[in-house]
N, C-alpha and C. Protein backbone atom coordinates (compact mmCIF):
# COMPACT_ATOMS: atom_id res chain seq x y z
N UNK A 1 -1.64 73.57 69.68
CA UNK A 1 -0.42 73.09 69.03
C UNK A 1 -0.16 73.96 67.80
N UNK A 2 1.00 74.54 67.73
CA UNK A 2 1.33 75.39 66.59
C UNK A 2 1.98 74.57 65.50
N UNK A 3 1.70 74.96 64.28
CA UNK A 3 2.25 74.25 63.13
C UNK A 3 3.49 74.97 62.65
N UNK A 4 4.58 74.84 63.42
CA UNK A 4 5.80 75.55 63.09
C UNK A 4 6.59 74.82 62.01
N UNK A 5 6.39 73.51 61.91
CA UNK A 5 7.13 72.74 60.92
C UNK A 5 6.17 72.26 59.85
N UNK A 6 6.29 72.83 58.66
CA UNK A 6 5.44 72.42 57.55
C UNK A 6 5.89 71.05 57.05
N UNK A 7 4.94 70.23 56.67
CA UNK A 7 5.24 68.90 56.17
C UNK A 7 5.87 68.99 54.78
N UNK A 8 7.01 68.34 54.64
CA UNK A 8 7.65 68.21 53.34
C UNK A 8 7.59 66.74 52.96
N UNK A 9 7.42 66.46 51.66
CA UNK A 9 7.29 65.08 51.22
C UNK A 9 8.23 64.85 50.04
N UNK A 10 9.07 63.84 50.20
CA UNK A 10 10.03 63.49 49.16
C UNK A 10 9.64 62.14 48.57
N UNK A 11 9.74 62.01 47.26
CA UNK A 11 9.43 60.75 46.60
C UNK A 11 10.65 60.30 45.82
N UNK A 12 11.02 59.05 46.03
CA UNK A 12 12.19 58.48 45.36
C UNK A 12 11.82 57.13 44.79
N UNK A 13 12.64 56.64 43.89
CA UNK A 13 12.47 55.30 43.35
C UNK A 13 13.72 54.51 43.66
N UNK A 14 13.52 53.24 43.99
CA UNK A 14 14.66 52.35 44.18
C UNK A 14 14.22 50.97 43.71
N UNK A 15 14.79 50.53 42.61
CA UNK A 15 14.38 49.26 42.02
C UNK A 15 12.92 49.32 41.63
N UNK A 16 12.14 48.33 42.08
CA UNK A 16 10.71 48.31 41.76
C UNK A 16 9.87 49.02 42.83
N UNK A 17 10.51 49.73 43.72
CA UNK A 17 9.80 50.39 44.82
C UNK A 17 9.76 51.90 44.63
N UNK A 18 8.63 52.47 45.04
CA UNK A 18 8.49 53.91 45.19
C UNK A 18 8.56 54.18 46.68
N UNK A 19 9.35 55.16 47.05
CA UNK A 19 9.52 55.49 48.46
C UNK A 19 8.97 56.90 48.69
N UNK A 20 8.02 57.00 49.60
CA UNK A 20 7.46 58.29 49.99
C UNK A 20 8.00 58.59 51.38
N UNK A 21 8.70 59.72 51.50
CA UNK A 21 9.34 60.07 52.77
C UNK A 21 8.86 61.43 53.25
N UNK A 22 7.83 61.45 54.09
CA UNK A 22 7.38 62.73 54.66
C UNK A 22 8.32 63.17 55.79
N UNK A 23 8.47 64.47 55.93
CA UNK A 23 9.28 65.03 57.01
C UNK A 23 8.45 66.12 57.69
N UNK A 24 8.15 65.89 58.95
CA UNK A 24 7.33 66.82 59.72
C UNK A 24 6.14 66.10 60.31
N UNK A 25 5.28 66.84 60.99
CA UNK A 25 4.10 66.27 61.61
C UNK A 25 3.04 65.95 60.56
N UNK A 26 2.42 64.79 60.71
CA UNK A 26 1.30 64.43 59.83
C UNK A 26 0.04 64.55 60.67
N UNK A 27 -0.64 65.66 60.48
CA UNK A 27 -1.86 65.95 61.21
C UNK A 27 -2.92 66.40 60.22
N UNK A 28 -3.98 66.98 60.73
CA UNK A 28 -5.10 67.38 59.87
C UNK A 28 -4.67 68.32 58.75
N UNK A 29 -3.67 69.16 59.01
CA UNK A 29 -3.23 70.09 57.97
C UNK A 29 -2.26 69.44 56.98
N UNK A 30 -1.51 68.42 57.40
CA UNK A 30 -0.54 67.79 56.53
C UNK A 30 -1.03 66.56 55.79
N UNK A 31 -2.06 65.89 56.34
CA UNK A 31 -2.55 64.65 55.76
C UNK A 31 -3.00 64.79 54.30
N UNK A 32 -3.69 65.88 53.91
CA UNK A 32 -4.09 65.98 52.50
C UNK A 32 -2.91 66.00 51.53
N UNK A 33 -1.83 66.66 51.90
CA UNK A 33 -0.64 66.69 51.04
C UNK A 33 -0.03 65.30 50.93
N UNK A 34 0.02 64.57 52.05
CA UNK A 34 0.54 63.21 52.02
C UNK A 34 -0.34 62.33 51.15
N UNK A 35 -1.65 62.45 51.30
CA UNK A 35 -2.59 61.66 50.50
C UNK A 35 -2.35 61.92 49.00
N UNK A 36 -2.17 63.17 48.64
CA UNK A 36 -1.95 63.53 47.23
C UNK A 36 -0.65 62.92 46.71
N UNK A 37 0.42 63.00 47.49
CA UNK A 37 1.71 62.49 47.03
C UNK A 37 1.72 60.96 46.95
N UNK A 38 1.06 60.30 47.90
CA UNK A 38 0.97 58.84 47.84
C UNK A 38 0.14 58.43 46.63
N UNK A 39 -0.95 59.12 46.40
CA UNK A 39 -1.80 58.82 45.25
C UNK A 39 -1.03 58.98 43.94
N UNK A 40 -0.25 60.03 43.86
CA UNK A 40 0.57 60.27 42.67
C UNK A 40 1.58 59.13 42.48
N UNK A 41 2.20 58.70 43.55
CA UNK A 41 3.16 57.60 43.47
C UNK A 41 2.46 56.31 43.05
N UNK A 42 1.24 56.08 43.56
CA UNK A 42 0.51 54.85 43.23
C UNK A 42 0.04 54.83 41.78
N UNK A 43 -0.12 55.99 41.17
CA UNK A 43 -0.55 56.03 39.78
C UNK A 43 0.50 55.46 38.83
N UNK A 44 1.73 55.35 39.32
CA UNK A 44 2.80 54.74 38.51
C UNK A 44 2.82 53.22 38.67
N UNK A 45 1.91 52.68 39.48
CA UNK A 45 1.76 51.24 39.71
C UNK A 45 3.06 50.54 40.12
N UNK A 46 3.71 51.03 41.18
CA UNK A 46 4.90 50.30 41.67
C UNK A 46 4.45 48.98 42.30
N UNK A 47 5.33 47.99 42.30
CA UNK A 47 4.98 46.73 42.96
C UNK A 47 5.08 46.86 44.47
N UNK A 48 5.92 47.80 44.93
CA UNK A 48 6.03 48.09 46.36
C UNK A 48 6.02 49.59 46.58
N UNK A 49 5.24 50.00 47.56
CA UNK A 49 5.22 51.40 47.98
C UNK A 49 5.69 51.42 49.42
N UNK A 50 6.78 52.12 49.66
CA UNK A 50 7.36 52.21 50.99
C UNK A 50 7.11 53.62 51.52
N UNK A 51 6.56 53.69 52.72
CA UNK A 51 6.37 54.98 53.37
C UNK A 51 7.37 55.03 54.52
N UNK A 52 8.40 55.84 54.35
CA UNK A 52 9.49 55.99 55.32
C UNK A 52 9.11 57.10 56.30
N UNK A 53 8.80 56.71 57.53
CA UNK A 53 8.34 57.67 58.53
C UNK A 53 9.46 58.12 59.47
N UNK A 54 10.71 57.96 59.06
CA UNK A 54 11.83 58.34 59.93
C UNK A 54 11.83 59.82 60.27
N UNK A 55 11.26 60.65 59.41
CA UNK A 55 11.24 62.09 59.65
C UNK A 55 9.93 62.60 60.23
N UNK A 56 9.11 61.68 60.76
CA UNK A 56 7.79 62.06 61.28
C UNK A 56 7.75 61.85 62.80
N UNK A 57 7.83 62.95 63.57
CA UNK A 57 7.81 62.82 65.02
C UNK A 57 6.40 62.68 65.60
N UNK A 58 5.37 63.07 64.83
CA UNK A 58 3.99 63.05 65.33
C UNK A 58 3.04 62.74 64.19
N UNK A 59 2.04 61.90 64.49
CA UNK A 59 1.00 61.59 63.52
C UNK A 59 -0.32 61.46 64.27
N UNK A 60 -1.38 62.05 63.74
CA UNK A 60 -2.69 61.90 64.37
C UNK A 60 -3.56 60.95 63.54
N UNK A 61 -4.82 60.86 63.89
CA UNK A 61 -5.72 59.91 63.24
C UNK A 61 -5.91 60.21 61.75
N UNK A 62 -5.79 61.46 61.35
CA UNK A 62 -5.93 61.77 59.91
C UNK A 62 -4.76 61.19 59.13
N UNK A 63 -3.58 61.15 59.73
CA UNK A 63 -2.44 60.51 59.09
C UNK A 63 -2.63 59.00 58.99
N UNK A 64 -3.15 58.40 60.07
CA UNK A 64 -3.44 56.97 60.04
C UNK A 64 -4.47 56.65 58.96
N UNK A 65 -5.51 57.47 58.87
CA UNK A 65 -6.55 57.24 57.86
C UNK A 65 -5.97 57.33 56.45
N UNK A 66 -5.05 58.24 56.24
CA UNK A 66 -4.39 58.38 54.94
C UNK A 66 -3.63 57.11 54.59
N UNK A 67 -2.93 56.55 55.56
CA UNK A 67 -2.16 55.33 55.31
C UNK A 67 -3.06 54.11 55.12
N UNK A 68 -4.17 54.05 55.84
CA UNK A 68 -5.12 52.95 55.64
C UNK A 68 -5.69 53.01 54.22
N UNK A 69 -6.05 54.20 53.78
CA UNK A 69 -6.56 54.38 52.41
C UNK A 69 -5.50 53.96 51.39
N UNK A 70 -4.26 54.34 51.62
CA UNK A 70 -3.17 53.97 50.71
C UNK A 70 -2.99 52.46 50.66
N UNK A 71 -3.13 51.79 51.81
CA UNK A 71 -3.00 50.34 51.85
C UNK A 71 -4.13 49.68 51.06
N UNK A 72 -5.33 50.20 51.18
CA UNK A 72 -6.46 49.64 50.43
C UNK A 72 -6.24 49.79 48.92
N UNK A 73 -5.75 50.92 48.50
CA UNK A 73 -5.47 51.14 47.08
C UNK A 73 -4.35 50.22 46.62
N UNK A 74 -3.31 50.07 47.43
CA UNK A 74 -2.20 49.19 47.08
C UNK A 74 -2.70 47.76 46.89
N UNK A 75 -3.56 47.31 47.79
CA UNK A 75 -4.10 45.95 47.66
C UNK A 75 -4.89 45.78 46.37
N UNK A 76 -5.70 46.79 46.02
CA UNK A 76 -6.46 46.72 44.77
C UNK A 76 -5.54 46.66 43.55
N UNK A 77 -4.37 47.28 43.68
CA UNK A 77 -3.40 47.31 42.58
C UNK A 77 -2.40 46.17 42.65
N UNK A 78 -2.64 45.19 43.53
CA UNK A 78 -1.71 44.07 43.74
C UNK A 78 -0.30 44.55 44.06
N UNK A 79 -0.24 45.59 44.86
CA UNK A 79 1.05 46.13 45.30
C UNK A 79 1.18 45.92 46.81
N UNK A 80 2.39 46.03 47.28
CA UNK A 80 2.68 45.87 48.70
C UNK A 80 2.99 47.23 49.29
N UNK A 81 2.30 47.59 50.36
CA UNK A 81 2.59 48.84 51.07
C UNK A 81 3.34 48.48 52.33
N UNK A 82 4.49 49.11 52.52
CA UNK A 82 5.34 48.84 53.69
C UNK A 82 5.61 50.17 54.39
N UNK A 83 5.41 50.18 55.69
CA UNK A 83 5.73 51.34 56.51
C UNK A 83 7.07 51.04 57.19
N UNK A 84 7.97 52.01 57.23
CA UNK A 84 9.26 51.74 57.87
C UNK A 84 9.74 52.92 58.71
N UNK A 85 10.67 52.61 59.58
CA UNK A 85 11.42 53.60 60.37
C UNK A 85 10.52 54.48 61.25
N UNK A 86 9.61 53.85 61.97
CA UNK A 86 8.71 54.60 62.83
C UNK A 86 9.44 55.08 64.08
N UNK A 87 9.26 56.36 64.41
CA UNK A 87 9.76 56.87 65.68
C UNK A 87 8.86 56.33 66.78
N UNK A 88 9.35 56.30 68.01
CA UNK A 88 8.63 55.67 69.12
C UNK A 88 7.21 56.21 69.31
N UNK A 89 7.05 57.52 69.24
CA UNK A 89 5.73 58.13 69.46
C UNK A 89 4.76 57.70 68.38
N UNK A 90 5.22 57.64 67.14
CA UNK A 90 4.36 57.22 66.02
C UNK A 90 4.08 55.73 66.11
N UNK A 91 5.08 54.95 66.48
CA UNK A 91 4.88 53.50 66.63
C UNK A 91 3.80 53.23 67.68
N UNK A 92 3.81 53.98 68.77
CA UNK A 92 2.81 53.75 69.82
C UNK A 92 1.40 54.04 69.32
N UNK A 93 1.24 55.01 68.43
CA UNK A 93 -0.07 55.31 67.85
C UNK A 93 -0.55 54.12 67.02
N UNK A 94 0.35 53.52 66.23
CA UNK A 94 0.00 52.33 65.45
C UNK A 94 -0.39 51.19 66.38
N UNK A 95 0.33 51.03 67.50
CA UNK A 95 0.06 49.95 68.42
C UNK A 95 -1.27 50.15 69.15
N UNK A 96 -1.55 51.38 69.58
CA UNK A 96 -2.80 51.67 70.28
C UNK A 96 -3.99 51.39 69.36
N UNK A 97 -3.87 51.76 68.09
CA UNK A 97 -4.94 51.52 67.11
C UNK A 97 -4.92 50.09 66.57
N UNK A 98 -3.94 49.31 67.02
CA UNK A 98 -3.74 47.92 66.58
C UNK A 98 -3.46 47.82 65.08
N UNK A 99 -2.99 48.90 64.51
CA UNK A 99 -2.65 48.89 63.09
C UNK A 99 -1.29 48.25 62.84
N UNK A 100 -0.53 48.02 63.91
CA UNK A 100 0.73 47.30 63.76
C UNK A 100 0.48 45.86 63.35
N UNK A 101 -0.76 45.38 63.54
CA UNK A 101 -1.14 44.02 63.12
C UNK A 101 -1.65 44.01 61.68
N UNK A 102 -1.95 45.18 61.14
CA UNK A 102 -2.55 45.29 59.81
C UNK A 102 -1.50 45.63 58.75
N UNK A 103 -0.63 46.57 59.08
CA UNK A 103 0.39 47.02 58.14
C UNK A 103 1.62 46.14 58.19
N UNK A 104 2.31 46.05 57.06
CA UNK A 104 3.66 45.48 57.06
C UNK A 104 4.57 46.60 57.53
N UNK A 105 5.29 46.38 58.63
CA UNK A 105 6.15 47.40 59.20
C UNK A 105 7.57 46.87 59.25
N UNK A 106 8.49 47.63 58.70
CA UNK A 106 9.91 47.27 58.70
C UNK A 106 10.66 48.22 59.65
N UNK A 107 11.72 47.69 60.26
CA UNK A 107 12.52 48.50 61.18
C UNK A 107 13.23 49.64 60.45
N UNK A 108 13.72 49.35 59.25
CA UNK A 108 14.52 50.34 58.52
C UNK A 108 14.11 50.37 57.05
N UNK A 109 14.56 51.39 56.39
CA UNK A 109 14.31 51.51 54.96
C UNK A 109 14.94 50.36 54.21
N UNK A 110 16.14 49.96 54.61
CA UNK A 110 16.83 48.84 53.96
C UNK A 110 16.04 47.55 54.10
N UNK A 111 15.47 47.32 55.30
CA UNK A 111 14.64 46.14 55.52
C UNK A 111 13.41 46.18 54.62
N UNK A 112 12.80 47.36 54.49
CA UNK A 112 11.60 47.51 53.66
C UNK A 112 11.92 47.23 52.20
N UNK A 113 13.05 47.70 51.74
CA UNK A 113 13.45 47.50 50.33
C UNK A 113 13.67 46.02 50.06
N UNK A 114 14.19 45.29 51.04
CA UNK A 114 14.49 43.88 50.82
C UNK A 114 13.30 42.95 51.03
N UNK A 115 12.15 43.49 51.46
CA UNK A 115 10.95 42.65 51.68
C UNK A 115 10.36 42.18 50.37
């Protein structure tokens, strides 16, 4: 698998929420950058951290591990981590790993903001 699309990560604020929006594949090469950006966002202690996966067509186990770690940190900080806008292929990875039962998952960014 060639890494033709480098992962880009955008961070925005909306109300009391920090929104992390990666664009590209989250795999072994991209997961460390995502981990760093999520960690940076969490250092501001938002009450809600939203990870918008609308721009992520593929995620492997390293991406899942990054999100599990982020959820654990959010819980320690009494914050809510919400995953939103999963593409079908990424959603199936969450379902196979049964992480759809662990994470709060919203259909859209708007739904996540209103949670």
